[in-house]
Each structure stands twice: as structure tokens, then as C-alpha cells.
């Protein structure tokens, strides 16, 4: 099950936020404010990465690292 931003917002709102101490209530407020905007991962300021593209880049980077380590050991 994938938790969406709106689901997170509803879950946080339905907790007993009014009974929390000041520091925890502030944290809950920040979570609620952040959950209203979608998460975007950027590469510099010129490209917005999807999770799929991020995973492909990570997999490729680890493949190159593995190859470099194998060459170094020879």
C-alpha cells in the first residue's frame, strides 16, 4: 500500500495533536504543512527526478562503482 501526501495529511490531522506538548505539536504542524506539497527530488535546479529515474541512476552508479573496484583489485 502506497501512502500518498493526502493520506499522510489526514492521518496526522486525526491524531491527538491538541493534547501534545508544544514541541511535538510544532512538529505535527510542520508535517501537515509539508504534506500539502508533493515531494520533488531535483538534480541541481534543472531537472526534476521521478522515483523511477532516481532508481535507474542509483543502479547504474553502483554498477560503475562495482566495475571500478573489480578493476582496481586486479
C-alpha atoms as a PDB file:
ATOM      1  CA  UNK A   1       0.000   0.000   0.000  1.00  0.00           C
ATOM      2  CA  UNK A   2       1.399   3.357  -1.029  1.00  0.00           C
ATOM      3  CA  UNK A   3       0.859   6.275   1.351  1.00  0.00           C
ATOM      4  CA  UNK A   4       0.043   9.463  -0.541  1.00  0.00           C
ATOM      5  CA  UNK A   5       0.530  13.013   0.749  1.00  0.00           C
ATOM      6  CA  UNK A   6      -3.201  13.496   1.309  1.00  0.00           C
ATOM      7  CA  UNK A   7      -3.396  10.238   3.295  1.00  0.00           C
ATOM      8  CA  UNK A   8      -0.496  11.410   5.465  1.00  0.00           C
ATOM      9  CA  UNK A   9      -2.181  14.767   5.992  1.00  0.00           C
ATOM     10  CA  UNK A  10      -5.428  13.106   7.109  1.00  0.00           C
ATOM     11  CA  UNK A  11      -3.596  10.645   9.387  1.00  0.00           C
ATOM     12  CA  UNK A  12      -1.659  13.417  11.123  1.00  0.00           C
ATOM     13  CA  UNK A  13      -4.764  15.583  11.481  1.00  0.00           C
ATOM     14  CA  UNK A  14      -6.728  12.731  13.064  1.00  0.00           C
ATOM     15  CA  UNK A  15      -4.095  12.087  15.743  1.00  0.00           C
ATOM     16  CA  UNK A  16      -4.495  13.775  19.141  1.00  0.00           C
ATOM     17  CA  UNK A  17      -2.406  16.812  18.147  1.00  0.00           C
ATOM     18  CA  UNK A  18      -4.210  19.113  20.555  1.00  0.00           C
ATOM     19  CA  UNK A  19      -3.001  17.030  23.524  1.00  0.00           C
ATOM     20  CA  UNK A  20       0.692  17.146  22.578  1.00  0.00           C
ATOM     21  CA  UNK A  21       3.302  19.326  24.198  1.00  0.00           C
ATOM     22  CA  UNK A  22       4.426  22.441  22.343  1.00  0.00           C
ATOM     23  CA  UNK A  23       7.481  20.902  20.643  1.00  0.00           C
ATOM     24  CA  UNK A  24       5.612  17.848  19.351  1.00  0.00           C
ATOM     25  CA  UNK A  25       2.673  19.997  18.225  1.00  0.00           C
ATOM     26  CA  UNK A  26       5.087  22.142  16.204  1.00  0.00           C
ATOM     27  CA  UNK A  27       6.500  19.008  14.570  1.00  0.00           C
ATOM     28  CA  UNK A  28       2.989  17.853  13.659  1.00  0.00           C
ATOM     29  CA  UNK A  29       2.267  21.283  12.190  1.00  0.00           C
ATOM     30  CA  UNK A  30       5.387  21.086  10.029  1.00  0.00           C
ATOM     31  CA  UNK A  31       4.402  17.602   8.827  1.00  0.00           C
ATOM     32  CA  UNK A  32       0.944  18.862   7.882  1.00  0.00           C
ATOM     33  CA  UNK A  33       2.364  21.854   6.004  1.00  0.00           C
ATOM     34  CA  UNK A  34       4.884  19.678   4.144  1.00  0.00           C
ATOM     35  CA  UNK A  35       2.282  17.034   3.248  1.00  0.00           C
ATOM     36  CA  UNK A  36       0.277  19.628   1.329  1.00  0.00           C
ATOM     37  CA  UNK A  37       3.016  19.877  -1.347  1.00  0.00           C
ATOM     38  CA  UNK A  38       4.122  16.906  -3.446  1.00  0.00           C
ATOM     39  CA  UNK A  39       7.641  15.606  -2.938  1.00  0.00           C
ATOM     40  CA  UNK A  40      10.061  16.534  -5.729  1.00  0.00           C
ATOM     41  CA  UNK A  41      13.632  15.344  -5.986  1.00  0.00           C
ATOM     42  CA  UNK A  42      15.732  17.661  -8.144  1.00  0.00           C
ATOM     43  CA  UNK A  43      19.130  17.356  -9.781  1.00  0.00           C
ATOM     44  CA  UNK A  44      20.554  20.816  -9.402  1.00  0.00           C
ATOM     45  CA  UNK A  45      17.942  23.335 -10.479  1.00  0.00           C
ATOM     46  CA  UNK A  46      17.379  22.000 -13.960  1.00  0.00           C
ATOM     47  CA  UNK A  47      15.780  18.554 -13.658  1.00  0.00           C
ATOM     48  CA  UNK A  48      13.047  17.013 -11.522  1.00  0.00           C
ATOM     49  CA  UNK A  49      13.694  13.301 -10.987  1.00  0.00           C
ATOM     50  CA  UNK A  50      10.957  10.732 -10.709  1.00  0.00           C
ATOM     51  CA  UNK A  51      11.493   7.842  -8.312  1.00  0.00           C
ATOM     52  CA  UNK A  52      11.997   5.511 -11.277  1.00  0.00           C
ATOM     53  CA  UNK A  53      14.702   7.713 -12.822  1.00  0.00           C
ATOM     54  CA  UNK A  54      16.390   8.087  -9.418  1.00  0.00           C
ATOM     55  CA  UNK A  55      16.444   4.288  -9.017  1.00  0.00           C
ATOM     56  CA  UNK A  56      17.918   3.833 -12.514  1.00  0.00           C
ATOM     57  CA  UNK A  57      20.649   6.394 -11.816  1.00  0.00           C
ATOM     58  CA  UNK A  58      21.446   4.745  -8.467  1.00  0.00           C
ATOM     59  CA  UNK A  59      21.581   1.270 -10.003  1.00  0.00           C
ATOM     60  CA  UNK A  60      23.840   2.455 -12.832  1.00  0.00           C
ATOM     61  CA  UNK A  61      26.131   4.301 -10.409  1.00  0.00           C
ATOM     62  CA  UNK A  62      26.532   1.212  -8.229  1.00  0.00           C
ATOM     63  CA  UNK A  63      27.272  -0.870 -11.331  1.00  0.00           C
ATOM     64  CA  UNK A  64      30.071   1.512 -12.339  1.00  0.00           C
ATOM     65  CA  UNK A  65      31.433   1.519  -8.785  1.00  0.00           C
ATOM     66  CA  UNK A  66      31.435  -2.275  -8.719  1.00  0.00           C
ATOM     67  CA  UNK A  67      33.291  -2.384 -12.039  1.00  0.00           C
ATOM     68  CA  UNK A  68      35.887   0.148 -10.860  1.00  0.00           C
ATOM     69  CA  UNK A  69      36.506  -1.805  -7.647  1.00  0.00           C
ATOM     70  CA  UNK A  70      36.916  -5.042  -9.633  1.00  0.00           C
ATOM     71  CA  UNK A  71      39.426  -3.390 -11.990  1.00  0.00           C
ATOM     72  CA  UNK A  72      41.331  -1.870  -9.077  1.00  0.00           C
ATOM     73  CA  UNK A  73      41.778  -5.274  -7.397  1.00  0.00           C
ATOM     74  CA  UNK A  74      43.452  -6.780 -10.496  1.00  0.00           C
END
